[in-house]
Amino acid sequence: MTTHFITAEIDLQENPAQLQQEIAAELAKQGEPLRWAISEVDREQEKVTVEAIVTELEPLKDRG
């Protein structure tokens, strides 16, 4: 298993619950999120920047 620090830009949503769902869906594309935080909100561009730590399972290597 490996961990990665990632940042993602997500469209700002009016409903906080919908924003959380959008963040979870985007982070799931990168791996299993351990923790995440909104680090910036750009109201003019209607974007939020999310920083996260995600884990990925590494493929099993041939031990032959």
C-alpha atoms as a PDB file:
ATOM      1  CA  MET A   1       0.000   0.000   0.000  1.00  0.00           C
ATOM      2  CA  THR A   2       1.280   3.470  -0.808  1.00  0.00           C
ATOM      3  CA  THR A   3       0.121   6.894   0.307  1.00  0.00           C
ATOM      4  CA  HIS A   4      -0.001  10.015  -1.843  1.00  0.00           C
ATOM      5  CA  PHE A   5      -0.586  13.692  -1.165  1.00  0.00           C
ATOM      6  CA  ILE A   6      -2.904  15.096  -3.820  1.00  0.00           C
ATOM      7  CA  THR A   7      -4.710  18.321  -4.603  1.00  0.00           C
ATOM      8  CA  ALA A   8      -7.946  18.556  -6.530  1.00  0.00           C
ATOM      9  CA  GLU A   9     -10.032  21.427  -7.823  1.00  0.00           C
ATOM     10  CA  ILE A  10     -13.776  20.917  -7.391  1.00  0.00           C
ATOM     11  CA  ASP A  11     -16.701  23.038  -8.567  1.00  0.00           C
ATOM     12  CA  LEU A  12     -18.219  24.986  -5.688  1.00  0.00           C
ATOM     13  CA  GLN A  13     -21.703  23.711  -4.787  1.00  0.00           C
ATOM     14  CA  GLU A  14     -24.423  25.681  -3.018  1.00  0.00           C
ATOM     15  CA  ASN A  15     -25.394  22.708  -0.873  1.00  0.00           C
ATOM     16  CA  PRO A  16     -22.617  21.592   1.556  1.00  0.00           C
ATOM     17  CA  ALA A  17     -23.802  17.966   1.429  1.00  0.00           C
ATOM     18  CA  GLN A  18     -23.542  17.964  -2.369  1.00  0.00           C
ATOM     19  CA  LEU A  19     -20.065  19.518  -2.159  1.00  0.00           C
ATOM     20  CA  GLN A  20     -18.954  16.743   0.180  1.00  0.00           C
ATOM     21  CA  GLN A  21     -20.283  14.119  -2.266  1.00  0.00           C
ATOM     22  CA  GLU A  22     -18.430  15.765  -5.158  1.00  0.00           C
ATOM     23  CA  ILE A  23     -15.198  15.802  -3.147  1.00  0.00           C
ATOM     24  CA  ALA A  24     -15.590  12.150  -2.131  1.00  0.00           C
ATOM     25  CA  ALA A  25     -16.226  11.102  -5.746  1.00  0.00           C
ATOM     26  CA  GLU A  26     -13.192  12.987  -7.046  1.00  0.00           C
ATOM     27  CA  LEU A  27     -10.887  11.612  -4.349  1.00  0.00           C
ATOM     28  CA  ALA A  28     -12.121   8.051  -4.940  1.00  0.00           C
ATOM     29  CA  LYS A  29     -10.683   8.311  -8.461  1.00  0.00           C
ATOM     30  CA  GLN A  30      -7.221   8.654  -6.893  1.00  0.00           C
ATOM     31  CA  GLY A  31      -7.497   6.004  -4.162  1.00  0.00           C
ATOM     32  CA  GLU A  32      -8.954   5.583  -0.678  1.00  0.00           C
ATOM     33  CA  PRO A  33      -8.901   8.947   1.148  1.00  0.00           C
ATOM     34  CA  LEU A  34      -7.406   8.865   4.659  1.00  0.00           C
ATOM     35  CA  ARG A  35      -8.120  12.533   5.275  1.00  0.00           C
ATOM     36  CA  TRP A  36      -8.870  15.641   3.290  1.00  0.00           C
ATOM     37  CA  ALA A  37      -9.420  19.361   3.802  1.00  0.00           C
ATOM     38  CA  ILE A  38     -10.634  22.300   1.763  1.00  0.00           C
ATOM     39  CA  SER A  39      -7.593  24.543   1.591  1.00  0.00           C
ATOM     40  CA  GLU A  40      -8.928  27.343  -0.614  1.00  0.00           C
ATOM     41  CA  VAL A  41     -12.243  28.735  -1.865  1.00  0.00           C
ATOM     42  CA  ASP A  42     -12.288  30.868  -5.011  1.00  0.00           C
ATOM     43  CA  ARG A  43     -15.718  32.458  -5.183  1.00  0.00           C
ATOM     44  CA  GLU A  44     -14.986  34.274  -8.460  1.00  0.00           C
ATOM     45  CA  GLN A  45     -14.077  31.032 -10.290  1.00  0.00           C
ATOM     46  CA  GLU A  46     -16.587  29.039  -8.185  1.00  0.00           C
ATOM     47  CA  LYS A  47     -13.943  26.424  -7.300  1.00  0.00           C
ATOM     48  CA  VAL A  48     -12.612  24.877  -4.108  1.00  0.00           C
ATOM     49  CA  THR A  49      -9.155  23.395  -3.727  1.00  0.00           C
ATOM     50  CA  VAL A  50      -8.955  20.185  -1.726  1.00  0.00           C
ATOM     51  CA  GLU A  51      -5.779  18.683  -0.288  1.00  0.00           C
ATOM     52  CA  ALA A  52      -5.880  14.999   0.622  1.00  0.00           C
ATOM     53  CA  ILE A  53      -3.880  11.975   1.650  1.00  0.00           C
ATOM     54  CA  VAL A  54      -4.996   8.858  -0.239  1.00  0.00           C
ATOM     55  CA  THR A  55      -3.831   5.253  -0.213  1.00  0.00           C
ATOM     56  CA  GLU A  56      -3.492   2.911  -3.171  1.00  0.00           C
ATOM     57  CA  LEU A  57      -3.012  -0.818  -3.173  1.00  0.00           C
ATOM     58  CA  GLU A  58       0.096  -1.775  -5.068  1.00  0.00           C
ATOM     59  CA  PRO A  59      -0.146  -4.666  -7.508  1.00  0.00           C
ATOM     60  CA  LEU A  60       1.417  -7.857  -6.236  1.00  0.00           C
ATOM     61  CA  LYS A  61       4.864  -8.345  -7.745  1.00  0.00           C
ATOM     62  CA  ASP A  62       6.024 -11.620  -9.156  1.00  0.00           C
ATOM     63  CA  ARG A  63       8.083 -13.229  -6.413  1.00  0.00           C
ATOM     64  CA  GLY A  64       9.335 -15.914  -8.824  1.00  0.00           C
END
